[in-house]
Amino acid sequence: MKFQIITRRAEGVDSYASNRAVSPTQSLINVLSALLSLLGAVVLILLLKEGSFTRAGAFMDLGLTKVVEGIAVVIGFVRGLIG
């Protein structure tokens, strides 16, 4: 009577990658978490550079306004190409 040899796998082989599919919800949560972490790091750097939360916040507001305006320009350009 032959017995099958039990093979042991290295740690981590039976991990999420081999057994579970990636959830879109979890991916979205990870991306949002990374963006919030990046925003927090930017605020801390601006706080050290500007010296106060008020000036750092004003700098962030100006930067975010320019980003939104830039996105609007890109959207207008794409609409011009399509239409």
N, C-alpha and C. Protein backbone atom coordinates (compact mmCIF):
# COMPACT_ATOMS: atom_id res chain seq x y z
N MET A 1 0.84 -1.17 0.00
CA MET A 1 0.00 0.00 0.00
C MET A 1 0.89 1.24 0.00
N LYS A 2 0.68 2.08 -1.01
CA LYS A 2 1.51 3.28 -1.11
C LYS A 2 0.80 4.46 -0.47
N PHE A 3 1.57 5.23 0.25
CA PHE A 3 1.05 6.47 0.84
C PHE A 3 1.57 7.64 0.02
N GLN A 4 0.72 8.61 -0.19
CA GLN A 4 1.16 9.81 -0.90
C GLN A 4 2.06 10.63 0.02
N ILE A 5 3.06 11.18 -0.57
CA ILE A 5 3.98 12.02 0.19
C ILE A 5 3.34 13.40 0.35
N ILE A 6 3.26 13.84 1.59
CA ILE A 6 2.70 15.17 1.86
C ILE A 6 3.80 16.19 1.62
N THR A 7 3.53 17.09 0.72
CA THR A 7 4.52 18.14 0.46
C THR A 7 4.09 19.41 1.20
N ARG A 8 5.04 20.03 1.78
CA ARG A 8 4.77 21.28 2.49
C ARG A 8 5.13 22.45 1.59
N ARG A 9 4.25 23.43 1.61
CA ARG A 9 4.51 24.63 0.81
C ARG A 9 5.19 25.68 1.68
N ALA A 10 5.90 26.54 1.03
CA ALA A 10 6.53 27.65 1.74
C ALA A 10 5.45 28.58 2.28
N GLU A 11 5.77 29.28 3.33
CA GLU A 11 4.79 30.21 3.89
C GLU A 11 4.41 31.26 2.86
N GLY A 12 3.13 31.57 2.83
CA GLY A 12 2.66 32.60 1.93
C GLY A 12 2.16 32.10 0.59
N VAL A 13 2.41 30.83 0.27
CA VAL A 13 1.95 30.32 -1.01
C VAL A 13 0.42 30.27 -1.05
N ASP A 14 -0.19 29.90 0.07
CA ASP A 14 -1.65 29.87 0.13
C ASP A 14 -2.19 31.24 0.52
N SER A 15 -1.78 32.24 -0.18
CA SER A 15 -2.17 33.60 0.19
C SER A 15 -3.31 34.08 -0.70
N TYR A 16 -3.62 35.34 -0.58
CA TYR A 16 -4.72 35.93 -1.32
C TYR A 16 -4.53 35.80 -2.83
N ALA A 17 -3.31 35.87 -3.29
CA ALA A 17 -3.06 35.88 -4.72
C ALA A 17 -3.52 34.58 -5.39
N SER A 18 -3.39 33.47 -4.69
CA SER A 18 -3.73 32.20 -5.33
C SER A 18 -5.18 31.79 -5.09
N ASN A 19 -5.83 32.32 -4.08
CA ASN A 19 -7.15 31.83 -3.71
C ASN A 19 -8.28 32.82 -3.90
N ARG A 20 -8.00 34.08 -3.88
CA ARG A 20 -9.09 35.07 -3.88
C ARG A 20 -8.92 36.06 -5.02
N ALA A 21 -10.04 36.46 -5.59
CA ALA A 21 -10.03 37.48 -6.63
C ALA A 21 -9.94 38.86 -5.99
N VAL A 22 -9.42 39.80 -6.73
CA VAL A 22 -9.30 41.16 -6.23
C VAL A 22 -10.67 41.82 -6.26
N SER A 23 -11.05 42.40 -5.15
CA SER A 23 -12.35 43.07 -5.05
C SER A 23 -12.22 44.51 -5.53
N PRO A 24 -13.10 44.97 -6.42
CA PRO A 24 -13.04 46.37 -6.86
C PRO A 24 -13.25 47.34 -5.71
N THR A 25 -14.09 46.97 -4.75
CA THR A 25 -14.34 47.84 -3.60
C THR A 25 -13.07 48.00 -2.78
N GLN A 26 -12.37 46.90 -2.55
CA GLN A 26 -11.13 46.97 -1.77
C GLN A 26 -10.07 47.78 -2.51
N SER A 27 -10.02 47.64 -3.83
CA SER A 27 -9.07 48.42 -4.62
C SER A 27 -9.37 49.91 -4.50
N LEU A 28 -10.65 50.27 -4.57
CA LEU A 28 -11.05 51.67 -4.44
C LEU A 28 -10.68 52.21 -3.06
N ILE A 29 -10.92 51.42 -2.03
CA ILE A 29 -10.56 51.84 -0.67
C ILE A 29 -9.06 52.05 -0.56
N ASN A 30 -8.26 51.17 -1.16
CA ASN A 30 -6.81 51.31 -1.12
C ASN A 30 -6.34 52.56 -1.84
N VAL A 31 -6.94 52.86 -2.99
CA VAL A 31 -6.56 54.06 -3.75
C VAL A 31 -6.92 55.32 -2.96
N LEU A 32 -8.13 55.36 -2.40
CA LEU A 32 -8.54 56.52 -1.61
C LEU A 32 -7.66 56.70 -0.38
N SER A 33 -7.30 55.60 0.25
CA SER A 33 -6.42 55.67 1.42
C SER A 33 -5.05 56.24 1.03
N ALA A 34 -4.53 55.81 -0.11
CA ALA A 34 -3.24 56.32 -0.58
C ALA A 34 -3.32 57.80 -0.90
N LEU A 35 -4.41 58.24 -1.53
CA LEU A 35 -4.57 59.66 -1.86
C LEU A 35 -4.68 60.52 -0.61
N LEU A 36 -5.42 60.03 0.39
CA LEU A 36 -5.53 60.79 1.64
C LEU A 36 -4.20 60.84 2.37
N SER A 37 -3.43 59.77 2.32
CA SER A 37 -2.11 59.77 2.94
C SER A 37 -1.19 60.77 2.25
N LEU A 38 -1.26 60.80 0.92
CA LEU A 38 -0.45 61.75 0.16
C LEU A 38 -0.86 63.18 0.48
N LEU A 39 -2.15 63.43 0.57
CA LEU A 39 -2.64 64.77 0.92
C LEU A 39 -2.16 65.18 2.31
N GLY A 40 -2.19 64.25 3.25
CA GLY A 40 -1.70 64.53 4.59
C GLY A 40 -0.22 64.88 4.59
N ALA A 41 0.56 64.16 3.79
CA ALA A 41 1.99 64.45 3.71
C ALA A 41 2.23 65.83 3.10
N VAL A 42 1.45 66.17 2.08
CA VAL A 42 1.58 67.50 1.45
C VAL A 42 1.25 68.60 2.45
N VAL A 43 0.18 68.40 3.23
CA VAL A 43 -0.20 69.40 4.22
C VAL A 43 0.89 69.57 5.26
N LEU A 44 1.49 68.48 5.72
CA LEU A 44 2.57 68.59 6.71
C LEU A 44 3.78 69.31 6.13
N ILE A 45 4.12 69.01 4.89
CA ILE A 45 5.26 69.70 4.26
C ILE A 45 4.96 71.19 4.12
N LEU A 46 3.74 71.52 3.69
CA LEU A 46 3.37 72.94 3.56
C LEU A 46 3.35 73.63 4.91
N LEU A 47 2.92 72.92 5.94
CA LEU A 47 2.91 73.50 7.28
C LEU A 47 4.33 73.85 7.71
N LEU A 48 5.26 72.96 7.45
CA LEU A 48 6.65 73.24 7.80
C LEU A 48 7.21 74.38 6.96
N LYS A 49 6.83 74.44 5.68
CA LYS A 49 7.34 75.48 4.79
C LYS A 49 6.73 76.85 5.09
N GLU A 50 5.40 76.89 5.26
CA GLU A 50 4.70 78.16 5.43
C GLU A 50 4.69 78.65 6.88
N GLY A 51 4.77 77.75 7.83
CA GLY A 51 4.84 78.17 9.23
C GLY A 51 3.52 78.22 9.96
N SER A 52 2.39 78.15 9.26
CA SER A 52 1.10 78.17 9.94
C SER A 52 0.08 77.42 9.10
N PHE A 53 -0.95 76.93 9.79
CA PHE A 53 -2.01 76.22 9.08
C PHE A 53 -2.78 77.16 8.15
N THR A 54 -2.91 78.42 8.52
CA THR A 54 -3.67 79.37 7.71
C THR A 54 -3.00 79.57 6.35
N ARG A 55 -1.70 79.82 6.37
CA ARG A 55 -0.99 80.03 5.11
C ARG A 55 -0.87 78.73 4.31
N ALA A 56 -0.69 77.61 5.01
CA ALA A 56 -0.63 76.32 4.31
C ALA A 56 -1.97 76.01 3.66
N GLY A 57 -3.08 76.30 4.36
CA GLY A 57 -4.41 76.08 3.80
C GLY A 57 -4.68 76.96 2.60
N ALA A 58 -4.24 78.23 2.68
CA ALA A 58 -4.41 79.14 1.55
C ALA A 58 -3.62 78.65 0.34
N PHE A 59 -2.43 78.15 0.59
CA PHE A 59 -1.60 77.61 -0.49
C PHE A 59 -2.27 76.38 -1.12
N MET A 60 -2.86 75.51 -0.28
CA MET A 60 -3.57 74.33 -0.78
C MET A 60 -4.79 74.75 -1.60
N ASP A 61 -5.54 75.74 -1.10
CA ASP A 61 -6.71 76.21 -1.84
C ASP A 61 -6.33 76.73 -3.21
N LEU A 62 -5.25 77.50 -3.28
CA LEU A 62 -4.78 78.03 -4.55
C LEU A 62 -4.38 76.89 -5.48
N GLY A 63 -3.65 75.92 -4.94
CA GLY A 63 -3.21 74.79 -5.75
C GLY A 63 -4.37 73.96 -6.26
N LEU A 64 -5.34 73.69 -5.39
CA LEU A 64 -6.49 72.89 -5.80
C LEU A 64 -7.34 73.63 -6.83
N THR A 65 -7.44 74.96 -6.69
CA THR A 65 -8.17 75.76 -7.67
C THR A 65 -7.51 75.65 -9.04
N LYS A 66 -6.19 75.72 -9.07
CA LYS A 66 -5.48 75.61 -10.35
C LYS A 66 -5.63 74.21 -10.95
N VAL A 67 -5.66 73.19 -10.10
CA VAL A 67 -5.86 71.83 -10.60
C VAL A 67 -7.24 71.69 -11.22
N VAL A 68 -8.26 72.20 -10.55
CA VAL A 68 -9.63 72.12 -11.07
C VAL A 68 -9.74 72.90 -12.38
N GLU A 69 -9.13 74.07 -12.45
CA GLU A 69 -9.15 74.85 -13.69
C GLU A 69 -8.44 74.09 -14.81
N GLY A 70 -7.34 73.43 -14.49
CA GLY A 70 -6.62 72.64 -15.49
C GLY A 70 -7.45 71.48 -16.00
N ILE A 71 -8.17 70.82 -15.10
CA ILE A 71 -9.04 69.72 -15.51
C ILE A 71 -10.15 70.24 -16.42
N ALA A 72 -10.69 71.42 -16.09
CA ALA A 72 -11.75 72.01 -16.93
C ALA A 72 -11.21 72.32 -18.32
N VAL A 73 -9.98 72.80 -18.42
CA VAL A 73 -9.39 73.10 -19.72
C VAL A 73 -9.23 71.81 -20.53
N VAL A 74 -8.77 70.75 -19.88
CA VAL A 74 -8.59 69.47 -20.58
C VAL A 74 -9.94 68.93 -21.06
N ILE A 75 -10.96 69.02 -20.21
CA ILE A 75 -12.30 68.55 -20.60
C ILE A 75 -12.81 69.36 -21.79
N GLY A 76 -12.61 70.68 -21.76
CA GLY A 76 -13.02 71.52 -22.89
C GLY A 76 -12.29 71.16 -24.17
N PHE A 77 -10.99 70.86 -24.06
CA PHE A 77 -10.20 70.47 -25.22
C PHE A 77 -10.71 69.15 -25.80
N VAL A 78 -10.99 68.19 -24.93
CA VAL A 78 -11.48 66.89 -25.39
C VAL A 78 -12.85 67.03 -26.04
N ARG A 79 -13.72 67.86 -25.46
CA ARG A 79 -15.04 68.09 -26.06
C ARG A 79 -14.90 68.75 -27.42
N GLY A 80 -13.93 69.65 -27.55
CA GLY A 80 -13.68 70.29 -28.85
C GLY A 80 -13.22 69.29 -29.89
N LEU A 81 -12.43 68.31 -29.48
CA LEU A 81 -11.97 67.28 -30.41
C LEU A 81 -13.11 66.35 -30.83
N ILE A 82 -13.97 66.03 -29.88
CA ILE A 82 -15.07 65.11 -30.16
C ILE A 82 -16.16 65.78 -30.99
N GLY A 83 -16.53 67.02 -30.59
CA GLY A 83 -17.67 67.70 -31.23
C GLY A 83 -17.30 68.46 -32.39
